[in-house]
C-alpha cells in the first residue's frame, strides 16, 4: 500500500488531473454564476452548493461506470459518411442547449431590460436551476472524465482528483459569482464565452474538432483586456476621489443630468447605460433645477455664506435717547430686535412678542429685562448642521462668530429655508443680496457685490478656485485685485468681464458682469 503512495507517476497523474478538471471547470463556474442570479438572494448560495455537490456525485458515478464510458466513443450510426457515437450526441445536445441559454440571456441584456425585475416576475424555480447546473456540469466534464480514464488507470486517483477539483470550484464559486454579477461588462463577456464554448461543442459533436488551446487562448486574451478595462475604471475612480469629495462630484453629475448635459456628466458605465440621451432637452424646468441645485449644495455651504452682515442688521442701542428708541420700534418690521450698548457690543435679542406682552400688562418699556441669548454658530458651520441645531434648540435665530469670538452677523431659520426655496421677502423689505441679480440682456447682469458665489453660480458660471477663502463676489474682486476696488475698475475672470459700478464705505455694492464671446479659432 505504501508503495502506491510512493509512486511519483501516480502523484503526477493526480496533480495533472486536478489542474485539468479546474481548467475545464472554469466555463462551468461562469454558467453557474449566471444561473444562480435568477434566484432570490437567500437561495443563491444553497443552489450553488447543492448543484456542485450533485455534479460531484454525477462525476463519481461516471467514473464508476468505466466500462460504459468506453462504449460512449463507439459509433452508433453513420450519417453522410460521419459516424456518430453517444459522446457525439451528448456533445451536440449540450452545445445546442448552451447556445440557446447563452443567446437568450445575451439578448435580454443587450435589449436593456431590467434583468432582476424580469426574473422576479417570472419567478425562477430553485430545483430547475439546480438541475441545469448538474446537466451542464455533466456535459462540460464529459471530455475531462473520458480523458482521465485514458490518462490514469487507478480509479481511486481519478475519483480523488475529481473530488478535490469540485471542492476547489465550490470555494471559488461564491466570490466568482459575486464578482461577475457586480460587473455588467464581465457578464456580457462570460455569455460570449458560453456562446463560443457551445459552438465548439456542436462542432465537435459533428466531427469538426477545434483545438482547445485556441479556445482558451481567446478566452485568456479577452480576460486580460477586461482586466485592463477594470483597472482603468478603478484608477479613474481613485483619481476623482482624490481631487474632489464624492458628495460634490455626485451633486455636479446630477445637476448636469438635470440640465440635459449627460455627455459631460461623470458616470460609470453602469449608470451611463441607464440614461437615454437621445433627447437633448433638460429633464426639469429652470425653477426645479434651481431648487434641486440648492438642496444638493445645502450640506456644503457654511452659515457665513447666507448670514446677514452685522453692519446690515438694524439694532437698538440701550444708551440712545428713549424717543429715538421708540422711533426705531415704531419703524421695526422684524420679529426680533438686536440690542447693543454704548460699546456697540451685541447684548442679545428681544422678541417682538415679549414687547407685546409687556405692553398688554401695562408695564413700562424695559428692553434690558426682555433680552434673550440666541444660538451662537461658528462661521464655518454647515447649513445642514445649523438646521439640526435650530431644530434641537427650538429657536430660529443665531449669532455667527469668527474664530476670535467676534460677531460677524446673524442667521435665521428663514435664511436657511430661502437657500432652498428662493427669496421670501416681507412687505416693504429690501431685496436680499443673495437674490439681487438683474439680467440686462442675454449676456449681461447687474448684481449685488455681497451675493454669495454659490447663489451667483445659478445665473453666471464663473470659474472659481475650489480652495478659495472668500465666498462673495466682493471677496473675489478683492482677492484678485489685492486692494479695495474702485468704481470703474474691471477684472477678467475666464470669459466674463467684471466691472465695479458702485462702492460705498469700502464695500462693493454693484457689479456689472458681461460674458464676452470666445474666439472660435482659439484652441486649448
Protein backbone atom coordinates (compact mmCIF):
# COMPACT_ATOMS: atom_id res chain seq x y z
CA UNK A 1 0.00 0.00 0.00
CA UNK A 2 2.82 2.39 0.88
CA UNK A 3 4.46 1.64 -2.44
CA UNK A 4 1.42 3.03 -4.22
CA UNK A 5 1.70 6.37 -2.40
CA UNK A 6 5.45 6.47 -3.11
CA UNK A 7 4.90 6.14 -6.86
CA UNK A 8 5.85 9.54 -8.48
CA UNK A 9 3.82 8.82 -11.61
CA UNK A 10 0.70 8.43 -9.50
CA UNK A 11 1.17 11.85 -7.86
CA UNK A 12 1.99 13.43 -11.21
CA UNK A 13 -1.19 12.00 -12.68
CA UNK A 14 -3.21 13.22 -9.68
CA UNK A 15 -1.91 16.79 -9.97
CA UNK A 16 -2.39 16.76 -13.74
CA UNK A 17 -5.97 15.60 -13.41
CA UNK A 18 -6.77 18.24 -10.75
CA UNK A 19 -5.40 21.01 -12.98
CA UNK A 20 -7.29 19.61 -15.96
CA UNK A 21 -10.56 19.46 -14.04
CA UNK A 22 -10.10 23.05 -12.82
CA UNK A 23 -9.25 24.43 -16.28
CA UNK A 24 -12.20 22.68 -17.89
CA UNK A 25 -14.43 23.74 -14.98
CA UNK A 26 -13.97 27.50 -15.43
CA UNK A 27 -16.71 27.68 -18.05
CA UNK A 28 -18.93 25.69 -15.70
CA UNK A 29 -18.39 28.22 -12.90
CA UNK A 30 -19.25 31.07 -15.26
CA UNK A 31 -22.52 29.42 -16.21
CA UNK A 32 -23.33 28.78 -12.53
CA UNK A 33 -22.77 32.47 -11.77
CA UNK A 34 -25.32 33.44 -14.43
CA UNK A 35 -27.85 30.78 -13.48
CA UNK A 36 -27.98 31.48 -9.73
CA UNK A 37 -28.56 35.19 -10.42
CA UNK A 38 -32.10 34.22 -11.41
CA UNK A 39 -32.87 33.09 -7.86
CA UNK A 40 -33.65 35.27 -4.82
CA UNK A 41 -30.62 36.22 -2.76
CA UNK A 42 -31.39 33.81 0.06
CA UNK A 43 -31.44 30.78 -2.31
CA UNK A 44 -28.33 31.51 -4.37
CA UNK A 45 -25.72 30.04 -2.04
CA UNK A 46 -27.83 26.93 -1.43
CA UNK A 47 -28.28 26.41 -5.19
CA UNK A 48 -24.52 26.68 -5.78
CA UNK A 49 -23.63 24.19 -3.06
CA UNK A 50 -26.33 21.63 -3.90
CA UNK A 51 -25.69 21.93 -7.64
CA UNK A 52 -21.94 21.37 -7.33
CA UNK A 53 -22.33 18.53 -4.82
CA UNK A 54 -24.78 16.78 -7.15
CA UNK A 55 -22.34 17.46 -10.01
CA UNK A 56 -19.60 15.77 -7.95
CA UNK A 57 -21.85 12.77 -7.39
CA UNK A 58 -22.59 12.66 -11.12
CA UNK A 59 -18.87 12.69 -11.99
CA UNK A 60 -18.12 9.94 -9.48
CA UNK A 61 -20.89 7.81 -10.95
CA UNK A 62 -19.44 8.35 -14.43
CA UNK A 63 -16.02 7.27 -13.21
CA UNK A 64 -17.51 4.22 -11.53
CA UNK A 65 -19.03 3.21 -14.87
CA UNK A 66 -15.73 2.81 -16.68
CA UNK A 67 -16.99 0.09 -18.99
CA UNK A 68 -19.95 2.25 -20.00
CA UNK A 69 -17.74 5.29 -20.61
CA UNK A 70 -15.66 3.32 -23.08
CA UNK A 71 -18.78 2.46 -25.09
CA UNK A 72 -19.66 6.17 -25.42
CA UNK A 73 -16.95 6.56 -28.05
CA UNK A 74 -18.14 3.63 -30.15
CA UNK A 75 -20.15 4.58 -33.30
CA UNK A 76 -23.90 4.11 -33.11
CA UNK A 77 -24.82 5.09 -36.68
CA UNK A 78 -23.37 6.83 -39.71
CA UNK A 79 -24.80 9.93 -41.38
CA UNK A 80 -23.32 11.17 -44.69
CA UNK A 81 -20.13 9.27 -44.04
CA UNK A 82 -19.63 10.52 -40.48
CA UNK A 83 -20.05 8.03 -37.61
CA UNK A 84 -21.92 9.36 -34.58
CA UNK A 85 -21.24 7.97 -31.10
CA UNK A 86 -23.18 8.54 -27.87
CA UNK A 87 -20.49 11.01 -26.84
CA UNK A 88 -21.03 12.98 -30.07
CA UNK A 89 -24.77 13.14 -29.47
CA UNK A 90 -24.30 14.30 -25.90
CA UNK A 91 -21.87 16.99 -27.01
CA UNK A 92 -24.23 18.07 -29.79
CA UNK A 93 -27.27 18.32 -27.49
CA UNK A 94 -25.26 20.04 -24.76
CA UNK A 95 -23.80 22.54 -27.20
CA UNK A 96 -27.22 23.40 -28.64
CA UNK A 97 -28.66 23.84 -25.17
CA UNK A 98 -25.72 26.07 -24.19
CA UNK A 99 -26.14 28.16 -27.35
CA UNK A 100 -29.85 28.58 -26.59
CA UNK A 101 -29.33 29.63 -22.96
CA UNK A 102 -26.45 31.98 -23.74
CA UNK A 103 -28.32 33.58 -26.66
CA UNK A 104 -31.48 34.24 -24.62
CA UNK A 105 -29.51 35.69 -21.70
CA UNK A 106 -27.39 37.83 -24.01
CA UNK A 107 -30.46 39.07 -25.87
CA UNK A 108 -32.24 40.17 -22.67
CA UNK A 109 -29.19 42.14 -21.53
CA UNK A 110 -28.47 43.73 -24.91
CA UNK A 111 -32.13 44.80 -25.17
CA UNK A 112 -31.64 46.81 -21.96
CA UNK A 113 -34.31 45.01 -19.94
CA UNK A 114 -34.35 45.14 -16.15
CA UNK A 115 -32.88 41.70 -15.60
CA UNK A 116 -33.57 41.45 -11.87
CA UNK A 117 -37.18 42.61 -12.20
CA UNK A 118 -37.88 40.27 -15.13
CA UNK A 119 -36.55 37.30 -13.21
CA UNK A 120 -38.64 38.24 -10.19
CA UNK A 121 -41.76 38.50 -12.34
CA UNK A 122 -41.14 35.12 -13.95
CA UNK A 123 -40.40 33.55 -10.57
CA UNK A 124 -37.29 31.41 -11.23
CA UNK A 125 -37.60 27.99 -9.58
CA UNK A 126 -34.93 26.58 -7.29
CA UNK A 127 -34.75 22.97 -8.44
CA UNK A 128 -34.85 23.66 -12.20
CA UNK A 129 -31.81 25.91 -11.73
CA UNK A 130 -30.03 23.17 -9.76
CA UNK A 131 -30.93 20.64 -12.47
CA UNK A 132 -29.43 22.89 -15.14
CA UNK A 133 -26.22 23.17 -13.11
CA UNK A 134 -25.95 19.37 -12.86
CA UNK A 135 -26.76 18.70 -16.53
CA UNK A 136 -24.36 21.35 -17.84
CA UNK A 137 -21.64 20.15 -15.48
CA UNK A 138 -22.06 16.64 -16.83
CA UNK A 139 -21.73 17.96 -20.40
CA UNK A 140 -18.72 20.14 -19.56
CA UNK A 141 -16.97 17.36 -17.64
CA UNK A 142 -17.61 14.57 -20.13
CA UNK A 143 -14.37 15.20 -22.00
CA UNK A 144 -12.44 15.56 -18.76
CA UNK A 145 -13.77 12.29 -17.39
CA UNK A 146 -13.01 10.41 -20.60
CA UNK A 147 -9.52 11.97 -20.66
CA UNK A 148 -8.98 10.94 -17.04
CA UNK A 149 -9.81 7.34 -17.94
CA UNK A 150 -7.17 7.46 -20.65
CA UNK A 151 -4.51 9.12 -18.50
CA UNK A 152 -4.68 7.17 -15.23
CA UNK A 153 -5.51 3.54 -14.64
CA UNK A 154 -6.18 3.89 -10.91
CA UNK A 155 -9.86 4.57 -10.19
CA UNK A 156 -9.19 6.00 -6.67
CA UNK A 157 -6.78 8.51 -8.18
CA UNK A 158 -9.39 9.68 -10.70
CA UNK A 159 -12.08 9.99 -8.00
CA UNK A 160 -9.71 11.86 -5.69
CA UNK A 161 -8.79 14.32 -8.46
CA UNK A 162 -12.44 14.95 -9.33
CA UNK A 163 -13.40 15.42 -5.67
CA UNK A 164 -10.57 17.90 -4.98
CA UNK A 165 -11.40 19.85 -8.16
CA UNK A 166 -15.10 20.11 -7.29
CA UNK A 167 -14.30 21.25 -3.72
CA UNK A 168 -11.96 23.93 -5.06
CA UNK A 169 -14.65 25.02 -7.51
CA UNK A 170 -17.11 25.16 -4.62
CA UNK A 171 -14.79 27.51 -2.70
CA UNK A 172 -14.24 29.72 -5.75
CA UNK A 173 -17.86 29.80 -6.94
CA UNK A 174 -19.19 32.37 -4.43
CA UNK A 175 -16.53 35.10 -4.93
CA UNK A 176 -16.60 34.47 -8.68
CA UNK A 177 -20.41 34.73 -8.74
CA UNK A 178 -20.32 37.95 -6.71
CA UNK A 179 -17.63 39.45 -8.94
CA UNK A 180 -19.36 38.51 -12.20
CA UNK A 181 -22.76 39.85 -11.14
CA UNK A 182 -21.24 43.11 -9.84
CA UNK A 183 -19.66 43.95 -13.22
CA UNK A 184 -22.14 44.04 -16.14
CA UNK A 185 -19.39 44.10 -18.77
CA UNK A 186 -17.96 40.87 -17.38
CA UNK A 187 -21.40 39.23 -17.58
CA UNK A 188 -21.56 40.08 -21.30
CA UNK A 189 -18.03 38.73 -21.74
CA UNK A 190 -18.91 35.49 -19.94
CA UNK A 191 -22.02 35.00 -22.06
CA UNK A 192 -19.85 35.42 -25.13
CA UNK A 193 -17.54 32.72 -23.76
CA UNK A 194 -20.52 30.40 -23.34
CA UNK A 195 -21.55 31.03 -26.95
CA UNK A 196 -18.05 30.15 -28.11
CA UNK A 197 -17.93 27.00 -25.96
CA UNK A 198 -21.41 25.96 -27.11
CA UNK A 199 -20.35 26.40 -30.72
CA UNK A 200 -17.21 24.30 -30.14
CA UNK A 201 -19.29 21.52 -28.54
CA UNK A 202 -21.66 21.47 -31.54
CA UNK A 203 -18.71 21.44 -33.95
CA UNK A 204 -17.02 18.60 -32.04
CA UNK A 205 -20.27 16.63 -31.96
CA UNK A 206 -20.42 16.94 -35.77
CA UNK A 207 -16.84 15.73 -36.13
CA UNK A 208 -15.05 19.09 -36.53
CA UNK A 209 -12.53 19.12 -33.72
CA UNK A 210 -11.45 22.62 -32.62
CA UNK A 211 -8.21 22.54 -30.59
CA UNK A 212 -8.93 23.54 -27.01
CA UNK A 213 -5.79 25.65 -26.98
CA UNK A 214 -7.32 28.10 -29.44
CA UNK A 215 -10.45 28.49 -27.32
CA UNK A 216 -8.63 29.04 -24.07
CA UNK A 217 -6.14 31.39 -25.70
CA UNK A 218 -9.04 33.55 -26.95
CA UNK A 219 -10.71 33.43 -23.55
CA UNK A 220 -7.45 34.29 -21.78
CA UNK A 221 -6.76 37.22 -24.11
CA UNK A 222 -10.28 38.59 -23.56
CA UNK A 223 -9.89 38.26 -19.78
CA UNK A 224 -6.60 40.19 -19.87
CA UNK A 225 -8.21 43.02 -21.89
CA UNK A 226 -11.17 43.15 -19.49
CA UNK A 227 -8.74 43.23 -16.54
CA UNK A 228 -7.09 46.29 -18.09
CA UNK A 229 -10.54 47.87 -18.51
CA UNK A 230 -11.45 47.25 -14.85
CA UNK A 231 -8.06 48.61 -13.75
CA UNK A 232 -8.58 51.77 -15.80
CA UNK A 233 -12.03 52.34 -14.26
CA UNK A 234 -10.63 51.78 -10.76
CA UNK A 235 -7.80 54.26 -11.32
CA UNK A 236 -10.27 56.83 -12.69
CA UNK A 237 -12.49 56.50 -9.59
CA UNK A 238 -9.43 56.83 -7.38
CA UNK A 239 -8.23 59.95 -9.23
CA UNK A 240 -11.69 61.55 -8.99
CA UNK A 241 -11.97 60.73 -5.29
CA UNK A 242 -8.55 62.26 -4.61
CA UNK A 243 -9.47 65.50 -6.37
CA UNK A 244 -12.96 66.24 -5.05
CA UNK A 245 -15.24 64.72 -2.42
CA UNK A 246 -17.75 62.11 -3.56
CA UNK A 247 -20.68 64.28 -2.42
CA UNK A 248 -19.51 67.19 -4.56
CA UNK A 249 -18.92 65.04 -7.66
CA UNK A 250 -22.30 63.37 -7.23
CA UNK A 251 -24.07 66.72 -6.90
CA UNK A 252 -22.34 68.09 -10.02
CA UNK A 253 -23.21 64.96 -12.01
CA UNK A 254 -26.89 65.15 -11.01
CA UNK A 255 -27.04 68.84 -11.93
CA UNK A 256 -25.51 68.17 -15.35
CA UNK A 257 -28.13 65.49 -15.95
CA UNK A 258 -30.92 67.83 -14.88
CA UNK A 259 -29.67 70.39 -17.38
CA UNK A 260 -29.57 67.74 -20.13
CA UNK A 261 -25.75 67.60 -20.21
CA UNK A 262 -25.44 63.82 -19.92
CA UNK A 263 -22.37 63.76 -22.19
CA UNK A 264 -20.36 65.81 -19.69
CA UNK A 265 -21.57 64.04 -16.55
CA UNK A 266 -19.07 61.81 -14.75
CA UNK A 267 -20.86 58.44 -14.86
CA UNK A 268 -19.65 54.89 -14.58
CA UNK A 269 -20.66 52.60 -17.47
CA UNK A 270 -23.50 51.01 -15.50
CA UNK A 271 -25.08 54.40 -14.66
CA UNK A 272 -24.46 55.80 -18.13
CA UNK A 273 -26.30 52.88 -19.70
CA UNK A 274 -29.43 53.84 -17.78
CA UNK A 275 -29.64 57.31 -19.33
CA UNK A 276 -31.46 57.70 -22.62
CA UNK A 277 -29.63 60.69 -24.05
CA UNK A 278 -31.46 60.85 -27.36
CA UNK A 279 -33.46 63.82 -26.08
CA UNK A 280 -31.05 66.69 -25.50
CA UNK A 281 -33.55 68.88 -23.70
CA UNK A 282 -33.31 69.41 -19.95
CA UNK A 283 -35.27 66.96 -17.85
CA UNK A 284 -36.62 69.64 -15.49
CA UNK A 285 -37.63 73.25 -15.90
CA UNK A 286 -35.41 76.02 -14.57
CA UNK A 287 -37.25 76.53 -11.28
CA UNK A 288 -36.98 72.83 -10.46
CA UNK A 289 -33.30 72.76 -11.41
CA UNK A 290 -32.52 75.76 -9.21
CA UNK A 291 -34.28 74.26 -6.20
CA UNK A 292 -32.61 70.85 -6.63
CA UNK A 293 -29.24 72.54 -7.05
CA UNK A 294 -29.73 74.37 -3.77
CA UNK A 295 -30.72 71.17 -1.97
CA UNK A 296 -27.66 69.33 -3.27
CA UNK A 297 -25.36 72.12 -2.11
CA UNK A 298 -27.05 72.52 1.28
CA UNK A 299 -24.54 70.41 3.23
CA UNK A 300 -21.53 72.02 1.52
CA UNK A 301 -22.32 75.66 2.28
CA UNK A 302 -21.48 77.42 5.50
CA UNK A 303 -23.55 79.84 7.53
CA UNK A 304 -21.27 82.77 6.74
CA UNK A 305 -22.36 82.49 3.09
CA UNK A 306 -26.02 83.24 3.91
CA UNK A 307 -25.77 85.37 7.07
CA UNK A 308 -26.79 88.98 7.22
CA UNK A 309 -23.67 91.02 7.96
CA UNK A 310 -23.59 92.78 11.29
CA UNK A 311 -23.28 96.12 9.50
CA UNK A 312 -26.58 95.49 7.70
CA UNK A 313 -28.57 94.46 10.77
CA UNK A 314 -30.83 97.02 12.42
CA UNK A 315 -30.20 97.26 16.15
CA UNK A 316 -31.29 99.28 19.15
CA UNK A 317 -28.73 100.92 21.44
CA UNK A 318 -29.94 100.95 25.04
CA UNK A 319 -27.97 104.15 25.67
CA UNK A 320 -29.82 106.07 22.95
CA UNK A 321 -32.47 108.64 23.73
CA UNK A 322 -35.83 106.98 24.65
CA UNK A 323 -37.55 108.91 21.88
CA UNK A 324 -35.07 107.51 19.35
CA UNK A 325 -35.64 104.01 20.71
CA UNK A 326 -39.40 104.38 20.37
CA UNK A 327 -38.99 105.67 16.82
CA UNK A 328 -36.92 102.62 15.91
CA UNK A 329 -39.50 100.33 17.50
CA UNK A 330 -42.23 102.06 15.54
CA UNK A 331 -40.39 101.51 12.24
CA UNK A 332 -39.46 97.91 13.05
CA UNK A 333 -40.88 95.15 10.81
CA UNK A 334 -38.98 92.21 12.28
CA UNK A 335 -39.99 89.70 14.93
CA UNK A 336 -36.63 90.03 16.70
CA UNK A 337 -34.59 93.08 17.65
CA UNK A 338 -30.85 93.18 18.22
CA UNK A 339 -29.83 95.02 21.36
CA UNK A 340 -26.47 96.77 21.80
CA UNK A 341 -24.92 99.07 24.38
CA UNK A 342 -22.71 102.11 24.17
CA UNK A 343 -19.67 99.98 23.24
CA UNK A 344 -21.64 98.65 20.26
CA UNK A 345 -21.41 95.11 21.64
CA UNK A 346 -24.33 92.82 20.89
CA UNK A 347 -26.08 92.01 24.17
CA UNK A 348 -28.74 89.69 22.78
CA UNK A 349 -32.15 89.64 21.15
CA UNK A 350 -35.58 90.93 22.14
CA UNK A 351 -38.63 89.19 20.70
CA UNK A 352 -41.44 91.40 19.46
CA UNK A 353 -43.96 89.12 21.18
CA UNK A 354 -42.30 89.85 24.54
CA UNK A 355 -42.69 93.59 23.87
CA UNK A 356 -46.37 93.00 23.14
CA UNK A 357 -46.86 91.09 26.40
CA UNK A 358 -45.09 93.84 28.32
CA UNK A 359 -47.35 96.48 26.78
CA UNK A 360 -50.53 94.43 27.34
CA UNK A 361 -49.75 94.21 31.05
CA UNK A 362 -49.31 97.99 31.10
CA UNK A 363 -45.70 97.76 32.17
CA UNK A 364 -43.16 100.44 31.35
CA UNK A 365 -40.78 99.76 28.46
CA UNK A 366 -37.77 97.79 29.74
CA UNK A 367 -35.78 96.26 26.89
CA UNK A 368 -32.95 95.06 29.11
CA UNK A 369 -35.32 92.78 31.03
CA UNK A 370 -36.50 91.14 27.81
CA UNK A 371 -33.07 90.31 26.35
CA UNK A 372 -32.59 86.68 25.36
CA UNK A 373 -29.38 84.93 24.32
CA UNK A 374 -29.65 83.35 20.86
CA UNK A 375 -27.74 80.40 19.48
CA UNK A 376 -24.12 81.02 18.50
CA UNK A 377 -22.79 79.45 15.29
CA UNK A 378 -19.21 79.32 14.15
CA UNK A 379 -18.86 80.85 10.70
CA UNK A 380 -17.69 77.53 9.19
CA UNK A 381 -20.72 75.59 10.42
CA UNK A 382 -22.53 73.93 7.51
CA UNK A 383 -26.15 74.74 6.77
CA UNK A 384 -27.20 71.16 7.48
CA UNK A 385 -25.60 71.27 10.93
CA UNK A 386 -27.15 74.68 11.58
CA UNK A 387 -30.60 73.34 10.66
CA UNK A 388 -30.19 70.48 13.13
CA UNK A 389 -29.12 72.87 15.92
CA UNK A 390 -32.12 75.09 15.21
CA UNK A 391 -34.31 72.00 15.47
CA UNK A 392 -32.86 70.88 18.78
CA UNK A 393 -32.80 74.33 20.38
CA UNK A 394 -36.33 75.16 19.15
CA UNK A 395 -35.29 78.64 18.13
CA UNK A 396 -34.96 80.39 14.77
CA UNK A 397 -32.23 82.96 15.42
CA UNK A 398 -28.45 82.72 15.87
CA UNK A 399 -25.32 84.88 16.01
CA UNK A 400 -22.45 83.98 13.67
CA UNK A 401 -18.98 84.40 15.17
CA UNK A 402 -15.46 84.07 13.77
CA UNK A 403 -12.52 82.22 15.29
CA UNK A 404 -11.87 85.12 17.67
CA UNK A 405 -15.45 85.09 19.00
CA UNK A 406 -16.43 88.34 17.31
CA UNK A 407 -19.98 88.50 16.00
CA UNK A 408 -19.85 88.75 12.21
CA UNK A 409 -23.57 88.61 11.50
CA UNK A 410 -26.86 86.89 12.18
CA UNK A 411 -28.67 83.98 10.56
CA UNK A 412 -32.25 82.79 10.92
CA UNK A 413 -34.18 79.68 10.03
CA UNK A 414 -35.82 81.70 7.24
CA UNK A 415 -32.38 82.28 5.74
CA UNK A 416 -31.84 78.53 5.59
CA UNK A 417 -35.24 77.94 4.01
CA UNK A 418 -34.62 80.67 1.44
CA UNK A 419 -31.45 78.83 0.45
CA UNK A 420 -33.71 76.07 -0.87
CA UNK A 421 -36.94 77.83 -1.87
CA UNK A 422 -35.51 81.16 -3.02
CA UNK A 423 -36.25 84.68 -1.83
CA UNK A 424 -39.26 85.01 0.52
CA UNK A 425 -39.42 88.80 1.09
CA UNK A 426 -41.74 90.53 3.52
CA UNK A 427 -43.81 93.55 2.58
CA UNK A 428 -41.61 96.63 2.34
CA UNK A 429 -38.41 94.61 2.86
CA UNK A 430 -35.39 95.36 0.71
CA UNK A 431 -34.26 92.63 -1.67
CA UNK A 432 -31.69 90.29 -0.21
CA UNK A 433 -28.19 90.48 -1.68
CA UNK A 434 -28.39 86.76 -2.45
CA UNK A 435 -31.13 87.38 -4.99
CA UNK A 436 -30.13 90.84 -6.22
CA UNK A 437 -29.38 89.75 -9.79
CA UNK A 438 -30.79 91.80 -12.65
CA UNK A 439 -30.44 90.41 -16.16
CA UNK A 440 -29.69 93.17 -18.68
CA UNK A 441 -30.00 91.15 -21.85
CA UNK A 442 -28.68 87.77 -22.85
CA UNK A 443 -25.09 88.02 -21.61
CA UNK A 444 -25.11 90.94 -19.15
CA UNK A 445 -26.06 91.10 -15.46
CA UNK A 446 -26.06 93.71 -12.70
CA UNK A 447 -25.52 92.00 -9.34
CA UNK A 448 -25.01 92.92 -5.70
CA UNK A 449 -21.39 92.73 -4.59
CA UNK A 450 -22.39 90.85 -1.44
CA UNK A 451 -24.02 87.98 -3.34
CA UNK A 452 -22.58 84.58 -2.33
CA UNK A 453 -20.76 82.85 -5.17
CA UNK A 454 -22.89 79.73 -4.67
CA UNK A 455 -26.02 81.77 -5.45
CA UNK A 456 -24.34 83.63 -8.30
CA UNK A 457 -23.45 80.26 -9.89
CA UNK A 458 -27.15 79.70 -10.60
CA UNK A 459 -27.01 82.62 -13.05
CA UNK A 460 -23.34 83.04 -14.04
CA UNK A 461 -20.84 80.18 -14.08
CA UNK A 462 -17.63 81.90 -13.12
CA UNK A 463 -14.52 79.69 -12.99
CA UNK A 464 -13.69 79.58 -9.28
CA UNK A 465 -10.91 78.19 -7.15
CA UNK A 466 -12.28 75.32 -5.06
CA UNK A 467 -9.88 76.20 -2.22
CA UNK A 468 -10.85 79.85 -2.04
CA UNK A 469 -11.09 81.57 1.34
CA UNK A 470 -13.80 84.07 0.24
CA UNK A 471 -17.45 83.35 -0.50
CA UNK A 472 -18.91 86.56 -2.03
CA UNK A 473 -18.43 88.37 -5.32
CA UNK A 474 -16.83 91.27 -3.46
CA UNK A 475 -14.39 88.81 -1.87
CA UNK A 476 -13.48 87.51 -5.32
CA UNK A 477 -12.76 91.04 -6.54
CA UNK A 478 -10.66 91.95 -3.51
CA UNK A 479 -8.70 88.69 -3.61
CA UNK A 480 -7.94 89.09 -7.31
CA UNK A 481 -7.16 92.83 -7.24
CA UNK A 482 -5.40 92.74 -3.85
CA UNK A 483 -6.92 96.10 -2.89
CA UNK A 484 -10.28 97.72 -2.24
CA UNK A 485 -11.91 98.01 -5.68
CA UNK A 486 -12.72 101.43 -7.07
CA UNK A 487 -15.66 102.37 -9.23
CA UNK A 488 -14.93 101.73 -12.91
CA UNK A 489 -12.26 99.07 -12.30
CA UNK A 490 -12.53 95.89 -14.35
CA UNK A 491 -11.42 92.31 -13.87
CA UNK A 492 -11.34 89.47 -16.38
CA UNK A 493 -12.44 86.10 -14.93
CA UNK A 494 -12.45 83.43 -17.61
CA UNK A 495 -14.77 84.59 -20.38
CA UNK A 496 -16.51 87.11 -18.08
CA UNK A 497 -15.65 90.78 -17.65
CA UNK A 498 -16.45 92.20 -14.19
CA UNK A 499 -16.85 95.98 -13.86
CA UNK A 500 -17.34 97.66 -10.47
CA UNK A 501 -20.25 100.12 -10.70
CA UNK A 502 -20.77 101.26 -7.09
CA UNK A 503 -18.61 101.29 -3.95
CA UNK A 504 -19.80 102.73 -0.60
CA UNK A 505 -17.70 102.84 2.56
CA UNK A 506 -15.16 100.39 1.10
CA UNK A 507 -17.98 97.95 0.30
CA UNK A 508 -18.71 96.83 -3.26
CA UNK A 509 -22.42 97.40 -3.85
CA UNK A 510 -22.99 96.87 -7.58
CA UNK A 511 -21.04 94.91 -10.17
CA UNK A 512 -21.66 94.51 -13.88
CA UNK A 513 -20.91 91.07 -15.33
CA UNK A 514 -20.52 90.81 -19.09
CA UNK A 515 -19.96 87.49 -20.85
CA UNK A 516 -17.65 88.01 -23.78
CA UNK A 517 -17.82 85.83 -26.91
CA UNK A 518 -14.94 83.38 -27.19
CA UNK A 519 -12.70 83.29 -30.24
CA UNK A 520 -13.72 80.20 -32.27
CA UNK A 521 -10.15 79.94 -33.65
CA UNK A 522 -8.69 79.70 -30.17
CA UNK A 523 -7.70 76.18 -29.17
CA UNK A 524 -6.63 74.96 -25.77
